[in-house]
Each structure stands twice: as structure tokens, then as C-alpha cells.
Amino acid sequence: MRKAVNHLKKSDFILRSIIERVGPCRMEFGVPEFASLAESIVYQQLNGKAAATIFERFAALAGAPLTPEGILKLSDAQLRGVGLSKQKSAYLKDLSAKTAAGLLDFAKLPDLSDEDVIKHLTQVKGIGEWTAHMFLMFSLRRPNVLPTGDYGVQMAIKKHYKKRKLPKAKDMEKIARAWAPYRSVACWYMWRSLDIKTL
């Protein structure tokens, strides 16, 4: 991590001042497994507190740790009862069915390239590029991911790099060229920079 932070400080003076204000990088990682992906589906488009409450109820019903079998035995009414939308219930069932059938193989993900992981995960309904990027960063611990669809990273780039509008993917790629091979760490600092009042 020190190597990553030193590289970022040297390669981008704007990021250097953010790093100095935020302090040490404290990325928290999950485990690259079925339960992490199911949890990220529950959390999509919800604020932290509401998502945590729904997830707790859901896990109590499906059993912890979450398994495809535990989710597939639940009825739509049970899923609705814990606060999951019809759409999210369908996504969780699709994820569970594809994992149970062996179409989704979590054991082989660590050996795949970032692109192949994205392809493998996005075959599941409701898992788009953003969720796949988060899984790469926080479960597979890939150091060089740039989630161009992430609103927080877009906002931080707009603010710190003085853009009039939210940056398009190609503009983000251009700025992030200097961050490679540690773009994941740079993005963590971008998110944190939005929480800090002095910026």
C-alpha cells in the first residue's frame, strides 16, 4: 500500500494534496465469494442504513453465510417481506440459479483477467459493470480498477480537476493514466475526499 500511495503522490499533484488531507489508505476488503456478490445486489441503489437493515432481515431468513440453496428456497412473498423489490429478488434468484448450475464459478475468478471477471459476472441479471468493478476492487483486491460509471468518482474528479460537468469515461481514463497501476487506490482517495470538509 505504501508503494501505491508513494506512486500516486509522485504522479499526480492534485491527488497528492488529497492524500495528504485524507491520510493513510484504509481500504476494507471482502471475500471473493457468492455471499459478497449477493450482498452487493441487496445494497445497489440504497443508502447504507436502509440497505444494512434489509440485508440483516434477508440474511436471517436465507441463513448466514448466504448460499444459492438458502436463497432459492425462499418464495417471492418472503423476499418482498424483508423489503426486497421484485427486481432485486429476481436478480438474487438468477445469481443463485447460475451459481448452483455451475455457470458462475467463484473459485476460478482469482485466475481470470479483470475483463474476463467482468464478463463472467455480468452474465447474471442485475450485475452490471459497476457491481463487477466493485467486486474486482474490494473482493478480488485488484489494484488497477477504474470504475468509470461510479458517481462518487465522477463527482470527485469534477470537483478536484475543475471540470464544468461530470467527466465522461474517456476523460476519466485520461486523468487516471497517471494513477496506473494503482487506480483502485486512487479511487478510494477520490471517494474519501468527498467526505472531508476541508476540501
N, C-alpha and C. Protein backbone atom coordinates (compact mmCIF):
# COMPACT_ATOMS: atom_id res chain seq x y z
N MET A 1 0.83 -1.20 0.00
CA MET A 1 0.00 0.00 0.00
C MET A 1 0.87 1.26 0.00
N ARG A 2 1.97 1.21 0.75
CA ARG A 2 2.86 2.38 0.79
C ARG A 2 3.41 2.69 -0.60
N LYS A 3 3.76 1.61 -1.32
CA LYS A 3 4.28 1.76 -2.68
C LYS A 3 3.24 2.46 -3.57
N ALA A 4 1.98 2.02 -3.43
CA ALA A 4 0.89 2.61 -4.23
C ALA A 4 0.73 4.09 -3.91
N VAL A 5 0.70 4.41 -2.62
CA VAL A 5 0.50 5.80 -2.20
C VAL A 5 1.66 6.68 -2.67
N ASN A 6 2.87 6.18 -2.53
CA ASN A 6 4.04 6.96 -2.99
C ASN A 6 3.99 7.22 -4.48
N HIS A 7 3.60 6.20 -5.24
CA HIS A 7 3.48 6.34 -6.69
C HIS A 7 2.44 7.41 -7.04
N LEU A 8 1.29 7.36 -6.37
CA LEU A 8 0.20 8.31 -6.67
C LEU A 8 0.60 9.74 -6.29
N LYS A 9 1.30 9.90 -5.17
CA LYS A 9 1.74 11.23 -4.76
C LYS A 9 2.70 11.83 -5.78
N LYS A 10 3.57 10.97 -6.32
CA LYS A 10 4.56 11.44 -7.30
C LYS A 10 3.93 11.76 -8.64
N SER A 11 2.92 10.96 -9.02
CA SER A 11 2.44 11.06 -10.41
C SER A 11 1.32 12.07 -10.62
N ASP A 12 0.72 12.58 -9.53
CA ASP A 12 -0.42 13.48 -9.70
C ASP A 12 -0.47 14.46 -8.51
N PHE A 13 -0.14 15.72 -8.79
CA PHE A 13 -0.04 16.69 -7.68
C PHE A 13 -1.40 16.97 -7.02
N ILE A 14 -2.50 16.86 -7.80
CA ILE A 14 -3.84 17.08 -7.22
C ILE A 14 -4.14 15.95 -6.23
N LEU A 15 -3.83 14.75 -6.66
CA LEU A 15 -4.06 13.58 -5.79
C LEU A 15 -3.15 13.64 -4.57
N ARG A 16 -1.94 14.17 -4.76
CA ARG A 16 -1.03 14.28 -3.61
C ARG A 16 -1.66 15.11 -2.49
N SER A 17 -2.26 16.24 -2.85
CA SER A 17 -2.86 17.08 -1.79
C SER A 17 -4.06 16.39 -1.15
N ILE A 18 -4.80 15.59 -1.92
CA ILE A 18 -5.94 14.82 -1.36
C ILE A 18 -5.40 13.77 -0.37
N ILE A 19 -4.35 13.05 -0.78
CA ILE A 19 -3.76 12.02 0.08
C ILE A 19 -3.27 12.63 1.39
N GLU A 20 -2.64 13.80 1.28
CA GLU A 20 -2.13 14.44 2.49
C GLU A 20 -3.27 14.82 3.44
N ARG A 21 -4.41 15.20 2.89
CA ARG A 21 -5.55 15.56 3.74
C ARG A 21 -6.28 14.34 4.31
N VAL A 22 -6.42 13.31 3.48
CA VAL A 22 -7.17 12.12 3.91
C VAL A 22 -6.36 11.26 4.88
N GLY A 23 -5.07 11.14 4.62
CA GLY A 23 -4.21 10.31 5.47
C GLY A 23 -4.05 8.90 4.91
N PRO A 24 -3.67 7.93 5.74
CA PRO A 24 -3.36 6.58 5.25
C PRO A 24 -4.57 5.92 4.55
N CYS A 25 -4.27 5.10 3.59
CA CYS A 25 -5.32 4.38 2.85
C CYS A 25 -5.79 3.20 3.70
N ARG A 26 -7.10 3.17 3.94
CA ARG A 26 -7.66 2.07 4.76
C ARG A 26 -8.76 1.36 3.99
N MET A 27 -8.41 0.80 2.86
CA MET A 27 -9.41 0.07 2.08
C MET A 27 -9.82 -1.19 2.85
N GLU A 28 -11.11 -1.47 2.87
CA GLU A 28 -11.58 -2.69 3.53
C GLU A 28 -12.00 -3.69 2.46
N PHE A 29 -11.53 -4.92 2.63
CA PHE A 29 -11.78 -5.93 1.60
C PHE A 29 -12.74 -7.01 2.09
N GLY A 30 -13.51 -7.54 1.13
CA GLY A 30 -14.38 -8.68 1.42
C GLY A 30 -13.75 -9.93 0.83
N VAL A 31 -14.51 -11.01 0.83
CA VAL A 31 -14.01 -12.28 0.30
C VAL A 31 -14.66 -12.50 -1.07
N PRO A 32 -13.87 -12.96 -2.08
CA PRO A 32 -14.45 -13.15 -3.42
C PRO A 32 -15.33 -14.39 -3.51
N GLU A 33 -16.52 -14.30 -2.96
CA GLU A 33 -17.38 -15.48 -2.95
C GLU A 33 -18.83 -15.08 -3.22
N PHE A 34 -19.66 -16.08 -3.33
CA PHE A 34 -21.08 -15.89 -3.64
C PHE A 34 -21.74 -14.88 -2.69
N ALA A 35 -21.51 -15.04 -1.37
CA ALA A 35 -22.19 -14.20 -0.38
C ALA A 35 -21.89 -12.71 -0.59
N SER A 36 -20.65 -12.39 -0.98
CA SER A 36 -20.28 -10.97 -1.20
C SER A 36 -21.07 -10.38 -2.36
N LEU A 37 -21.23 -11.17 -3.41
CA LEU A 37 -21.94 -10.67 -4.59
C LEU A 37 -23.43 -10.53 -4.30
N ALA A 38 -23.99 -11.48 -3.57
CA ALA A 38 -25.41 -11.39 -3.19
C ALA A 38 -25.63 -10.13 -2.35
N GLU A 39 -24.70 -9.87 -1.45
CA GLU A 39 -24.81 -8.68 -0.59
C GLU A 39 -24.75 -7.41 -1.43
N SER A 40 -23.86 -7.39 -2.43
CA SER A 40 -23.75 -6.16 -3.23
C SER A 40 -25.01 -5.92 -4.06
N ILE A 41 -25.74 -6.98 -4.42
CA ILE A 41 -27.02 -6.79 -5.12
C ILE A 41 -28.03 -6.14 -4.17
N VAL A 42 -28.08 -6.62 -2.92
CA VAL A 42 -29.01 -6.03 -1.94
C VAL A 42 -28.71 -4.54 -1.74
N TYR A 43 -27.43 -4.19 -1.75
CA TYR A 43 -27.01 -2.81 -1.47
C TYR A 43 -27.16 -1.85 -2.65
N GLN A 44 -27.37 -2.38 -3.86
CA GLN A 44 -27.47 -1.49 -5.03
C GLN A 44 -28.53 -0.41 -4.84
N GLN A 45 -28.15 0.82 -5.16
CA GLN A 45 -29.07 1.98 -5.17
C GLN A 45 -29.82 2.23 -3.87
N LEU A 46 -29.22 1.85 -2.76
CA LEU A 46 -29.84 2.13 -1.46
C LEU A 46 -28.81 2.83 -0.59
N ASN A 47 -29.27 3.68 0.33
CA ASN A 47 -28.27 4.25 1.23
C ASN A 47 -27.89 3.21 2.27
N GLY A 48 -26.71 3.38 2.85
CA GLY A 48 -26.12 2.39 3.74
C GLY A 48 -27.02 1.84 4.82
N LYS A 49 -27.75 2.73 5.51
CA LYS A 49 -28.54 2.30 6.66
C LYS A 49 -29.73 1.42 6.25
N ALA A 50 -30.45 1.88 5.23
CA ALA A 50 -31.61 1.12 4.74
C ALA A 50 -31.15 -0.23 4.21
N ALA A 51 -30.05 -0.22 3.45
CA ALA A 51 -29.54 -1.46 2.86
C ALA A 51 -29.12 -2.44 3.96
N ALA A 52 -28.46 -1.93 4.99
CA ALA A 52 -27.99 -2.80 6.08
C ALA A 52 -29.17 -3.47 6.80
N THR A 53 -30.25 -2.72 7.01
CA THR A 53 -31.43 -3.27 7.68
C THR A 53 -32.06 -4.38 6.82
N ILE A 54 -32.23 -4.08 5.52
CA ILE A 54 -32.82 -5.08 4.61
C ILE A 54 -31.92 -6.31 4.55
N PHE A 55 -30.61 -6.08 4.46
CA PHE A 55 -29.67 -7.20 4.35
C PHE A 55 -29.73 -8.09 5.60
N GLU A 56 -29.80 -7.47 6.77
CA GLU A 56 -29.88 -8.24 8.02
C GLU A 56 -31.12 -9.14 8.03
N ARG A 57 -32.26 -8.57 7.64
CA ARG A 57 -33.51 -9.36 7.61
C ARG A 57 -33.40 -10.50 6.60
N PHE A 58 -32.83 -10.17 5.45
CA PHE A 58 -32.68 -11.14 4.36
C PHE A 58 -31.77 -12.29 4.81
N ALA A 59 -30.63 -11.95 5.43
CA ALA A 59 -29.67 -12.98 5.87
C ALA A 59 -30.28 -13.85 6.97
N ALA A 60 -31.11 -13.25 7.82
CA ALA A 60 -31.75 -14.02 8.89
C ALA A 60 -32.70 -15.07 8.29
N LEU A 61 -33.32 -14.71 7.18
CA LEU A 61 -34.27 -15.60 6.51
C LEU A 61 -33.55 -16.68 5.68
N ALA A 62 -32.53 -16.25 4.91
CA ALA A 62 -31.85 -17.16 3.98
C ALA A 62 -30.79 -18.00 4.67
N GLY A 63 -30.33 -17.53 5.83
CA GLY A 63 -29.27 -18.25 6.55
C GLY A 63 -27.91 -17.65 6.22
N ALA A 64 -27.07 -17.52 7.25
CA ALA A 64 -25.73 -16.97 7.03
C ALA A 64 -24.71 -18.09 7.22
N PRO A 65 -23.65 -18.14 6.41
CA PRO A 65 -23.43 -17.29 5.24
C PRO A 65 -24.43 -17.61 4.13
N LEU A 66 -24.69 -16.63 3.29
CA LEU A 66 -25.65 -16.83 2.20
C LEU A 66 -25.16 -17.91 1.24
N THR A 67 -26.10 -18.77 0.82
CA THR A 67 -25.77 -19.80 -0.18
C THR A 67 -26.85 -19.76 -1.26
N PRO A 68 -26.52 -20.27 -2.46
CA PRO A 68 -27.54 -20.33 -3.52
C PRO A 68 -28.77 -21.12 -3.05
N GLU A 69 -28.54 -22.23 -2.36
CA GLU A 69 -29.65 -23.09 -1.90
C GLU A 69 -30.54 -22.34 -0.91
N GLY A 70 -29.91 -21.60 0.00
CA GLY A 70 -30.65 -20.85 1.01
C GLY A 70 -31.56 -19.80 0.39
N ILE A 71 -31.08 -19.18 -0.70
CA ILE A 71 -31.87 -18.14 -1.37
C ILE A 71 -32.97 -18.77 -2.25
N LEU A 72 -32.62 -19.84 -2.94
CA LEU A 72 -33.59 -20.46 -3.87
C LEU A 72 -34.80 -21.07 -3.15
N LYS A 73 -34.64 -21.40 -1.88
CA LYS A 73 -35.79 -21.99 -1.15
C LYS A 73 -36.80 -20.93 -0.70
N LEU A 74 -36.44 -19.64 -0.84
CA LEU A 74 -37.35 -18.58 -0.39
C LEU A 74 -38.37 -18.22 -1.48
N SER A 75 -39.58 -17.93 -1.05
CA SER A 75 -40.61 -17.53 -2.01
C SER A 75 -40.50 -16.03 -2.30
N ASP A 76 -41.13 -15.60 -3.38
CA ASP A 76 -41.13 -14.17 -3.73
C ASP A 76 -41.77 -13.36 -2.60
N ALA A 77 -42.81 -13.91 -1.99
CA ALA A 77 -43.50 -13.21 -0.89
C ALA A 77 -42.56 -13.02 0.30
N GLN A 78 -41.75 -14.04 0.60
CA GLN A 78 -40.79 -13.92 1.71
C GLN A 78 -39.74 -12.83 1.41
N LEU A 79 -39.28 -12.81 0.17
CA LEU A 79 -38.27 -11.82 -0.22
C LEU A 79 -38.86 -10.40 -0.14
N ARG A 80 -40.11 -10.29 -0.61
CA ARG A 80 -40.78 -8.97 -0.52
C ARG A 80 -40.95 -8.57 0.94
N GLY A 81 -41.26 -9.55 1.79
CA GLY A 81 -41.48 -9.31 3.21
C GLY A 81 -40.28 -8.70 3.93
N VAL A 82 -39.06 -8.97 3.45
CA VAL A 82 -37.88 -8.38 4.11
C VAL A 82 -37.48 -7.04 3.47
N GLY A 83 -38.29 -6.62 2.46
CA GLY A 83 -38.02 -5.30 1.87
C GLY A 83 -37.30 -5.31 0.53
N LEU A 84 -37.17 -6.51 -0.08
CA LEU A 84 -36.51 -6.57 -1.38
C LEU A 84 -37.52 -6.33 -2.50
N SER A 85 -37.16 -5.52 -3.46
CA SER A 85 -38.05 -5.26 -4.59
C SER A 85 -38.18 -6.53 -5.45
N LYS A 86 -39.19 -6.52 -6.30
CA LYS A 86 -39.41 -7.65 -7.22
C LYS A 86 -38.17 -7.86 -8.09
N GLN A 87 -37.62 -6.73 -8.54
CA GLN A 87 -36.45 -6.76 -9.42
C GLN A 87 -35.23 -7.37 -8.71
N LYS A 88 -34.95 -6.89 -7.50
CA LYS A 88 -33.79 -7.42 -6.76
C LYS A 88 -33.96 -8.89 -6.41
N SER A 89 -35.19 -9.28 -6.08
CA SER A 89 -35.46 -10.70 -5.80
C SER A 89 -35.13 -11.54 -7.03
N ALA A 90 -35.51 -11.04 -8.21
CA ALA A 90 -35.23 -11.76 -9.46
C ALA A 90 -33.72 -11.86 -9.69
N TYR A 91 -33.00 -10.78 -9.39
CA TYR A 91 -31.54 -10.79 -9.56
C TYR A 91 -30.88 -11.81 -8.63
N LEU A 92 -31.34 -11.83 -7.37
CA LEU A 92 -30.76 -12.76 -6.40
C LEU A 92 -31.04 -14.21 -6.78
N LYS A 93 -32.24 -14.44 -7.31
CA LYS A 93 -32.60 -15.81 -7.74
C LYS A 93 -31.76 -16.22 -8.97
N ASP A 94 -31.56 -15.26 -9.88
CA ASP A 94 -30.76 -15.56 -11.08
C ASP A 94 -29.31 -15.86 -10.68
N LEU A 95 -28.77 -15.05 -9.77
CA LEU A 95 -27.40 -15.29 -9.28
C LEU A 95 -27.31 -16.67 -8.63
N SER A 96 -28.30 -17.00 -7.81
CA SER A 96 -28.29 -18.29 -7.10
C SER A 96 -28.41 -19.46 -8.06
N ALA A 97 -29.33 -19.34 -9.03
CA ALA A 97 -29.56 -20.43 -10.00
C ALA A 97 -28.31 -20.66 -10.86
N LYS A 98 -27.68 -19.55 -11.31
CA LYS A 98 -26.48 -19.69 -12.17
C LYS A 98 -25.30 -20.24 -11.38
N THR A 99 -25.22 -19.88 -10.11
CA THR A 99 -24.12 -20.41 -9.27
C THR A 99 -24.37 -21.89 -9.00
N ALA A 100 -25.60 -22.25 -8.66
CA ALA A 100 -25.94 -23.65 -8.37
C ALA A 100 -25.71 -24.54 -9.59
N ALA A 101 -25.96 -23.97 -10.78
CA ALA A 101 -25.79 -24.75 -12.02
C ALA A 101 -24.33 -24.79 -12.50
N GLY A 102 -23.45 -24.06 -11.79
CA GLY A 102 -22.03 -24.07 -12.17
C GLY A 102 -21.67 -23.08 -13.27
N LEU A 103 -22.64 -22.26 -13.69
CA LEU A 103 -22.34 -21.26 -14.74
C LEU A 103 -21.48 -20.13 -14.19
N LEU A 104 -21.62 -19.91 -12.88
CA LEU A 104 -20.82 -18.89 -12.22
C LEU A 104 -19.90 -19.63 -11.26
N ASP A 105 -18.60 -19.51 -11.48
CA ASP A 105 -17.64 -20.28 -10.70
C ASP A 105 -16.71 -19.33 -9.95
N PHE A 106 -16.99 -19.15 -8.66
CA PHE A 106 -16.20 -18.19 -7.86
C PHE A 106 -14.76 -18.66 -7.66
N ALA A 107 -14.53 -19.98 -7.68
CA ALA A 107 -13.18 -20.50 -7.46
C ALA A 107 -12.22 -20.08 -8.57
N LYS A 108 -12.76 -19.90 -9.79
CA LYS A 108 -11.84 -19.58 -10.88
C LYS A 108 -11.62 -18.07 -11.09
N LEU A 109 -12.42 -17.24 -10.39
CA LEU A 109 -12.31 -15.78 -10.59
C LEU A 109 -10.90 -15.22 -10.32
N PRO A 110 -10.21 -15.65 -9.24
CA PRO A 110 -8.89 -15.06 -8.99
C PRO A 110 -7.89 -15.25 -10.14
N ASP A 111 -8.11 -16.27 -10.97
CA ASP A 111 -7.17 -16.54 -12.07
C ASP A 111 -7.54 -15.80 -13.36
N LEU A 112 -8.70 -15.17 -13.40
CA LEU A 112 -9.14 -14.51 -14.63
C LEU A 112 -8.62 -13.06 -14.68
N SER A 113 -8.50 -12.54 -15.90
CA SER A 113 -8.14 -11.13 -16.08
C SER A 113 -9.32 -10.27 -15.63
N ASP A 114 -9.10 -8.98 -15.40
CA ASP A 114 -10.19 -8.08 -15.00
C ASP A 114 -11.33 -8.14 -16.01
N GLU A 115 -10.99 -8.11 -17.30
CA GLU A 115 -12.02 -8.13 -18.36
C GLU A 115 -12.85 -9.40 -18.30
N ASP A 116 -12.17 -10.53 -18.08
CA ASP A 116 -12.89 -11.80 -18.04
C ASP A 116 -13.76 -11.93 -16.78
N VAL A 117 -13.30 -11.35 -15.68
CA VAL A 117 -14.13 -11.35 -14.46
C VAL A 117 -15.41 -10.56 -14.73
N ILE A 118 -15.28 -9.40 -15.38
CA ILE A 118 -16.45 -8.57 -15.69
C ILE A 118 -17.42 -9.36 -16.57
N LYS A 119 -16.88 -10.02 -17.60
CA LYS A 119 -17.73 -10.83 -18.50
C LYS A 119 -18.43 -11.95 -17.73
N HIS A 120 -17.69 -12.60 -16.86
CA HIS A 120 -18.22 -13.73 -16.10
C HIS A 120 -19.35 -13.29 -15.16
N LEU A 121 -19.16 -12.16 -14.49
CA LEU A 121 -20.15 -11.70 -13.50
C LEU A 121 -21.37 -11.06 -14.15
N THR A 122 -21.17 -10.36 -15.26
CA THR A 122 -22.30 -9.64 -15.87
C THR A 122 -23.26 -10.54 -16.64
N GLN A 123 -22.98 -11.85 -16.66
CA GLN A 123 -23.97 -12.79 -17.24
C GLN A 123 -25.18 -12.92 -16.31
N VAL A 124 -25.02 -12.47 -15.06
CA VAL A 124 -26.12 -12.53 -14.09
C VAL A 124 -26.98 -11.29 -14.25
N LYS A 125 -28.29 -11.48 -14.26
CA LYS A 125 -29.23 -10.34 -14.34
C LYS A 125 -29.00 -9.42 -13.16
N GLY A 126 -28.92 -8.12 -13.43
CA GLY A 126 -28.79 -7.16 -12.34
C GLY A 126 -27.35 -6.88 -11.93
N ILE A 127 -26.40 -7.62 -12.52
CA ILE A 127 -25.00 -7.30 -12.25
C ILE A 127 -24.43 -6.62 -13.48
N GLY A 128 -24.20 -5.34 -13.33
CA GLY A 128 -23.64 -4.56 -14.43
C GLY A 128 -22.16 -4.32 -14.18
N GLU A 129 -21.61 -3.45 -15.01
CA GLU A 129 -20.18 -3.19 -14.92
C GLU A 129 -19.78 -2.60 -13.56
N TRP A 130 -20.64 -1.72 -13.01
CA TRP A 130 -20.30 -1.09 -11.73
C TRP A 130 -20.14 -2.13 -10.62
N THR A 131 -21.10 -3.05 -10.51
CA THR A 131 -21.01 -4.09 -9.47
C THR A 131 -19.78 -4.96 -9.69
N ALA A 132 -19.50 -5.27 -10.96
CA ALA A 132 -18.31 -6.08 -11.28
C ALA A 132 -17.03 -5.33 -10.89
N HIS A 133 -17.01 -4.02 -11.15
CA HIS A 133 -15.84 -3.21 -10.76
C HIS A 133 -15.64 -3.23 -9.24
N MET A 134 -16.75 -3.08 -8.48
CA MET A 134 -16.64 -3.09 -7.02
C MET A 134 -16.12 -4.45 -6.52
N PHE A 135 -16.60 -5.52 -7.17
CA PHE A 135 -16.15 -6.87 -6.79
C PHE A 135 -14.66 -7.03 -7.07
N LEU A 136 -14.22 -6.51 -8.22
CA LEU A 136 -12.78 -6.57 -8.56
C LEU A 136 -11.95 -5.83 -7.52
N MET A 137 -12.43 -4.64 -7.14
CA MET A 137 -11.65 -3.81 -6.21
C MET A 137 -11.65 -4.34 -4.78
N PHE A 138 -12.86 -4.66 -4.28
CA PHE A 138 -12.99 -4.92 -2.85
C PHE A 138 -13.05 -6.40 -2.47
N SER A 139 -13.28 -7.29 -3.43
CA SER A 139 -13.27 -8.72 -3.11
C SER A 139 -12.04 -9.40 -3.69
N LEU A 140 -11.73 -9.08 -4.96
CA LEU A 140 -10.55 -9.70 -5.58
C LEU A 140 -9.28 -8.87 -5.37
N ARG A 141 -9.44 -7.69 -4.75
CA ARG A 141 -8.29 -6.83 -4.42
C ARG A 141 -7.44 -6.46 -5.63
N ARG A 142 -8.10 -6.22 -6.76
CA ARG A 142 -7.34 -5.83 -7.95
C ARG A 142 -6.91 -4.36 -7.80
N PRO A 143 -5.64 -4.07 -8.01
CA PRO A 143 -5.13 -2.73 -7.69
C PRO A 143 -5.39 -1.65 -8.74
N ASN A 144 -5.79 -2.05 -9.96
CA ASN A 144 -5.79 -1.07 -11.04
C ASN A 144 -7.14 -0.91 -11.73
N VAL A 145 -8.22 -0.85 -10.93
CA VAL A 145 -9.57 -0.75 -11.50
C VAL A 145 -10.03 0.71 -11.48
N LEU A 146 -10.62 1.15 -12.60
CA LEU A 146 -11.19 2.50 -12.68
C LEU A 146 -12.68 2.36 -12.98
N PRO A 147 -13.55 2.50 -11.96
CA PRO A 147 -14.99 2.36 -12.21
C PRO A 147 -15.56 3.65 -12.82
N THR A 148 -15.51 3.74 -14.15
CA THR A 148 -15.91 4.98 -14.83
C THR A 148 -17.39 5.29 -14.64
N GLY A 149 -18.18 4.29 -14.25
CA GLY A 149 -19.61 4.53 -14.04
C GLY A 149 -19.95 4.92 -12.61
N ASP A 150 -18.94 5.09 -11.76
CA ASP A 150 -19.22 5.39 -10.36
C ASP A 150 -19.43 6.88 -10.15
N TYR A 151 -20.58 7.22 -9.59
CA TYR A 151 -20.96 8.63 -9.41
C TYR A 151 -20.00 9.37 -8.47
N GLY A 152 -19.58 8.70 -7.39
CA GLY A 152 -18.67 9.32 -6.43
C GLY A 152 -17.33 9.69 -7.06
N VAL A 153 -16.79 8.77 -7.85
CA VAL A 153 -15.50 9.04 -8.52
C VAL A 153 -15.69 10.17 -9.54
N GLN A 154 -16.81 10.13 -10.27
CA GLN A 154 -17.09 11.21 -11.24
C GLN A 154 -17.17 12.56 -10.54
N MET A 155 -17.91 12.61 -9.42
CA MET A 155 -18.07 13.85 -8.65
C MET A 155 -16.72 14.39 -8.16
N ALA A 156 -15.90 13.48 -7.62
CA ALA A 156 -14.59 13.89 -7.08
C ALA A 156 -13.70 14.43 -8.19
N ILE A 157 -13.72 13.78 -9.36
CA ILE A 157 -12.89 14.25 -10.48
C ILE A 157 -13.40 15.61 -10.94
N LYS A 158 -14.72 15.76 -11.04
CA LYS A 158 -15.29 17.05 -11.46
C LYS A 158 -14.82 18.16 -10.51
N LYS A 159 -14.90 17.86 -9.22
CA LYS A 159 -14.56 18.87 -8.21
C LYS A 159 -13.06 19.20 -8.19
N HIS A 160 -12.23 18.19 -8.11
CA HIS A 160 -10.79 18.43 -7.92
C HIS A 160 -10.04 18.78 -9.19
N TYR A 161 -10.57 18.32 -10.32
CA TYR A 161 -9.87 18.60 -11.59
C TYR A 161 -10.58 19.71 -12.36
N LYS A 162 -11.43 20.44 -11.65
CA LYS A 162 -12.11 21.64 -12.16
C LYS A 162 -12.81 21.42 -13.50
N LYS A 163 -13.66 20.39 -13.54
CA LYS A 163 -14.44 20.13 -14.76
C LYS A 163 -15.79 20.83 -14.60
N ARG A 164 -16.32 21.35 -15.70
CA ARG A 164 -17.62 22.02 -15.61
C ARG A 164 -18.75 21.01 -15.42
N LYS A 165 -18.60 19.84 -16.07
CA LYS A 165 -19.64 18.81 -15.99
C LYS A 165 -19.02 17.53 -15.46
N LEU A 166 -19.87 16.56 -15.13
CA LEU A 166 -19.35 15.25 -14.73
C LEU A 166 -18.54 14.69 -15.89
N PRO A 167 -17.35 14.16 -15.61
CA PRO A 167 -16.50 13.69 -16.71
C PRO A 167 -17.03 12.43 -17.38
N LYS A 168 -16.80 12.34 -18.68
CA LYS A 168 -17.14 11.12 -19.44
C LYS A 168 -16.02 10.10 -19.18
N ALA A 169 -16.32 8.83 -19.53
CA ALA A 169 -15.35 7.75 -19.29
C ALA A 169 -13.99 8.06 -19.89
N LYS A 170 -13.97 8.61 -21.12
CA LYS A 170 -12.66 8.84 -21.77
C LYS A 170 -11.85 9.92 -21.05
N ASP A 171 -12.55 10.92 -20.48
CA ASP A 171 -11.84 11.96 -19.71
C ASP A 171 -11.28 11.37 -18.41
N MET A 172 -12.05 10.48 -17.81
CA MET A 172 -11.59 9.83 -16.57
C MET A 172 -10.37 8.96 -16.85
N GLU A 173 -10.43 8.23 -17.97
CA GLU A 173 -9.31 7.37 -18.38
C GLU A 173 -8.04 8.22 -18.54
N LYS A 174 -8.21 9.39 -19.15
CA LYS A 174 -7.06 10.26 -19.42
C LYS A 174 -6.42 10.73 -18.10
N ILE A 175 -7.24 11.18 -17.16
CA ILE A 175 -6.72 11.63 -15.86
C ILE A 175 -6.09 10.46 -15.11
N ALA A 176 -6.74 9.30 -15.20
CA ALA A 176 -6.30 8.13 -14.42
C ALA A 176 -5.08 7.43 -15.01
N ARG A 177 -4.66 7.86 -16.20
CA ARG A 177 -3.46 7.23 -16.80
C ARG A 177 -2.27 7.35 -15.85
N ALA A 178 -2.15 8.50 -15.20
CA ALA A 178 -1.03 8.74 -14.28
C ALA A 178 -1.14 7.87 -13.02
N TRP A 179 -2.35 7.40 -12.71
CA TRP A 179 -2.56 6.62 -11.48
C TRP A 179 -2.13 5.16 -11.63
N ALA A 180 -2.13 4.65 -12.87
CA ALA A 180 -1.80 3.23 -13.10
C ALA A 180 -0.40 2.96 -12.52
N PRO A 181 -0.17 1.77 -11.97
CA PRO A 181 -1.05 0.60 -11.86
C PRO A 181 -1.84 0.55 -10.53
N TYR A 182 -2.18 1.72 -9.97
CA TYR A 182 -2.85 1.74 -8.67
C TYR A 182 -4.14 2.56 -8.72
N ARG A 183 -4.91 2.37 -9.78
CA ARG A 183 -6.11 3.20 -9.94
C ARG A 183 -7.17 2.91 -8.87
N SER A 184 -7.21 1.68 -8.36
CA SER A 184 -8.18 1.34 -7.29
C SER A 184 -7.93 2.18 -6.04
N VAL A 185 -6.65 2.32 -5.69
CA VAL A 185 -6.28 3.10 -4.50
C VAL A 185 -6.62 4.57 -4.72
N ALA A 186 -6.33 5.07 -5.92
CA ALA A 186 -6.65 6.47 -6.26
C ALA A 186 -8.16 6.70 -6.13
N CYS A 187 -8.97 5.75 -6.58
CA CYS A 187 -10.43 5.89 -6.49
C CYS A 187 -10.88 5.90 -5.03
N TRP A 188 -10.25 5.09 -4.19
CA TRP A 188 -10.59 5.10 -2.77
C TRP A 188 -10.37 6.51 -2.20
N TYR A 189 -9.26 7.13 -2.60
CA TYR A 189 -8.99 8.51 -2.15
C TYR A 189 -10.00 9.49 -2.72
N MET A 190 -10.44 9.25 -3.95
CA MET A 190 -11.47 10.12 -4.55
C MET A 190 -12.76 10.06 -3.72
N TRP A 191 -13.18 8.84 -3.36
CA TRP A 191 -14.40 8.70 -2.53
C TRP A 191 -14.22 9.40 -1.18
N ARG A 192 -13.10 9.13 -0.54
CA ARG A 192 -12.85 9.70 0.78
C ARG A 192 -12.79 11.24 0.71
N SER A 193 -12.29 11.77 -0.37
CA SER A 193 -12.13 13.22 -0.49
C SER A 193 -13.48 13.94 -0.42
N LEU A 194 -14.54 13.25 -0.79
CA LEU A 194 -15.88 13.86 -0.76
C LEU A 194 -16.42 13.93 0.67
N ASP A 195 -15.85 13.13 1.58
CA ASP A 195 -16.31 13.13 2.98
C ASP A 195 -15.60 14.18 3.82
N ILE A 196 -14.54 14.76 3.26
CA ILE A 196 -13.69 15.62 4.09
C ILE A 196 -14.08 17.08 3.90
N LYS A 197 -14.40 17.69 4.99
CA LYS A 197 -14.99 19.04 4.95
C LYS A 197 -14.04 20.13 4.46
N THR A 198 -12.72 19.91 4.60
CA THR A 198 -11.77 21.00 4.28
C THR A 198 -11.56 21.15 2.78
N LEU A 199 -12.05 20.19 1.99
CA LEU A 199 -11.76 20.27 0.54
C LEU A 199 -12.71 21.21 -0.17
